[in-house]
Protein backbone atom coordinates (compact mmCIF):
# COMPACT_ATOMS: atom_id res chain seq x y z
CA MET A 1 -76.86 32.13 6.48
CA THR A 2 -75.72 29.18 8.54
CA VAL A 3 -74.90 25.79 7.03
CA GLN A 4 -78.29 24.60 8.34
CA ASP A 5 -80.07 27.54 6.66
CA VAL A 6 -78.33 26.89 3.33
CA ALA A 7 -79.04 23.15 3.54
CA ASN A 8 -82.72 23.64 4.37
CA ARG A 9 -83.19 26.18 1.58
CA LEU A 10 -81.42 24.00 -1.01
CA VAL A 11 -83.55 20.99 -0.08
CA GLN A 12 -86.72 23.08 -0.25
CA LEU A 13 -85.92 24.50 -3.69
CA CYS A 14 -84.80 21.15 -5.12
CA ARG A 15 -87.99 19.45 -3.86
CA GLU A 16 -89.88 22.05 -5.89
CA ALA A 17 -87.63 21.42 -8.97
CA LYS A 18 -86.33 24.99 -8.65
CA ASN A 19 -82.69 24.04 -9.12
CA LEU A 20 -81.89 27.20 -11.09
CA ASP A 21 -83.25 29.34 -8.25
CA ALA A 22 -81.05 27.35 -5.84
CA VAL A 23 -77.94 28.05 -7.91
CA ASN A 24 -78.73 31.75 -8.27
CA GLU A 25 -79.54 32.22 -4.60
CA LEU A 26 -77.18 29.88 -2.75
CA TYR A 27 -74.09 29.30 -4.88
CA ASP A 28 -70.86 31.26 -4.70
CA ASP A 29 -69.74 32.86 -7.98
CA ASP A 30 -66.65 30.60 -7.95
CA ILE A 31 -68.50 27.34 -7.20
CA VAL A 32 -66.72 24.08 -8.09
CA SER A 33 -69.04 21.27 -9.18
CA LEU A 34 -67.77 17.69 -9.50
CA GLU A 35 -69.45 14.74 -11.21
CA PRO A 36 -68.29 11.11 -10.94
CA GLU A 37 -65.80 9.45 -13.26
CA GLY A 38 -67.49 8.49 -16.50
CA SER A 39 -69.61 11.65 -16.67
CA PRO A 40 -69.41 13.69 -19.89
CA VAL A 41 -68.27 16.78 -17.96
CA LYS A 42 -66.51 15.86 -14.71
CA LYS A 43 -65.81 19.39 -13.42
CA LYS A 44 -67.56 22.72 -13.77
CA THR A 45 -66.15 25.93 -12.35
CA GLY A 46 -68.17 29.09 -11.76
CA LYS A 47 -71.85 29.82 -11.38
CA LYS A 48 -72.32 30.36 -15.14
CA GLU A 49 -71.04 26.87 -16.01
CA VAL A 50 -73.25 25.31 -13.32
CA LEU A 51 -76.29 27.24 -14.55
CA ASP A 52 -75.54 26.27 -18.17
CA ALA A 53 -75.28 22.58 -17.16
CA ASN A 54 -78.56 22.78 -15.25
CA ASN A 55 -80.26 24.43 -18.24
CA ARG A 56 -78.96 21.69 -20.56
CA TRP A 57 -80.31 19.04 -18.19
CA PHE A 58 -83.74 20.70 -17.98
CA ASP A 59 -83.76 21.06 -21.79
CA SER A 60 -83.14 17.29 -22.10
CA VAL A 61 -86.15 16.47 -19.91
CA ASP A 62 -89.57 15.92 -21.41
CA GLU A 63 -91.37 15.49 -18.07
CA ILE A 64 -90.43 15.26 -14.38
CA HIS A 65 -92.65 12.66 -12.73
CA SER A 66 -91.34 12.98 -9.17
CA VAL A 67 -88.54 14.46 -7.10
CA ALA A 68 -87.52 13.15 -3.67
CA VAL A 69 -84.85 14.92 -1.63
CA SER A 70 -83.83 13.65 1.79
CA ALA A 71 -83.39 15.81 4.85
CA PRO A 72 -79.84 17.17 4.96
CA LEU A 73 -77.14 15.59 7.11
CA LEU A 74 -74.77 18.27 8.45
CA SER A 75 -71.24 18.60 9.71
CA GLU A 76 -69.35 21.80 10.52
CA ASN A 77 -69.22 23.29 7.01
CA THR A 78 -70.69 20.56 4.81
CA PHE A 79 -73.98 18.84 4.29
CA ALA A 80 -75.22 15.92 2.25
CA CYS A 81 -78.56 14.73 0.98
CA THR A 82 -79.89 12.18 -1.47
CA MET A 83 -81.87 13.14 -4.55
CA LYS A 84 -84.02 10.81 -6.58
CA ILE A 85 -85.55 12.13 -9.79
CA ASP A 86 -87.96 10.14 -11.93
CA ALA A 87 -88.07 11.82 -15.33
CA SER A 88 -88.78 11.15 -18.97
CA TYR A 89 -85.95 12.32 -21.21
CA LYS A 90 -86.39 13.40 -24.81
CA GLU A 91 -83.71 11.00 -26.09
CA HIS A 92 -83.63 8.22 -23.48
CA GLY A 93 -87.19 7.73 -22.27
CA ARG A 94 -88.12 7.37 -18.63
CA MET A 95 -85.31 6.91 -16.12
CA THR A 96 -84.75 7.32 -12.40
CA MET A 97 -81.62 9.13 -11.25
CA ASP A 98 -80.56 8.40 -7.66
CA GLU A 99 -77.57 10.30 -6.29
CA LEU A 100 -75.76 11.37 -3.14
CA CYS A 101 -75.05 15.10 -3.14
CA VAL A 102 -72.38 16.67 -0.92
CA TYR A 103 -72.05 20.44 -0.48
CA GLU A 104 -69.41 22.64 1.16
CA VAL A 105 -70.48 26.02 2.54
CA LYS A 106 -68.40 29.12 3.29
CA ASP A 107 -69.73 32.52 4.33
CA GLY A 108 -73.32 31.45 3.70
CA LYS A 109 -72.73 30.27 0.12
CA ILE A 110 -72.14 26.86 -1.45
CA ILE A 111 -68.55 26.82 -2.70
CA LYS A 112 -68.34 23.16 -3.76
CA GLU A 113 -70.73 20.42 -4.72
CA GLN A 114 -69.96 16.81 -5.53
CA PHE A 115 -72.32 14.17 -6.85
CA PHE A 116 -72.07 10.42 -6.50
CA TYR A 117 -74.14 8.14 -8.75
CA ASN A 118 -73.76 5.19 -11.06
CA THR A 119 -72.65 6.31 -14.53
CA LYS A 120 -73.02 2.87 -16.18
C-alpha cells in the first residue's frame, strides 16, 4: 500500500469509528504511539499496547455522538489529519476531543503515530 492508500483507509475506518480495525489492518507490529505531555500514558510501543489503549478508551465511552476526520495531508512518508470526536464518557460526561494526528508509514504500514491536543 502507498502512503495515500494507508491514509485514505485510516480516515475511512476512523470516520466509521472502527479504530480497532484500523490498528489491526494498518499498524506495524512495532508501532510507536506518542501522546502529548500531560497525558497519563505518553508512549505506547507495539500493536498490543495500542490496541489495549484503544479498548480502554472505548470502554470509557458511554456514547459517541459524532466523529469528524479531515482529509489526509501527505508528504513523502507521512500524513496528518484532524479528528474531532463528540462523546459522552461514563465518568466525565459529554466532551469534544479535537486533535491533530500525524502518522509515519513504512512498507505499507503505520510505524509511528503522534497526537497533538490540549491536555488541560
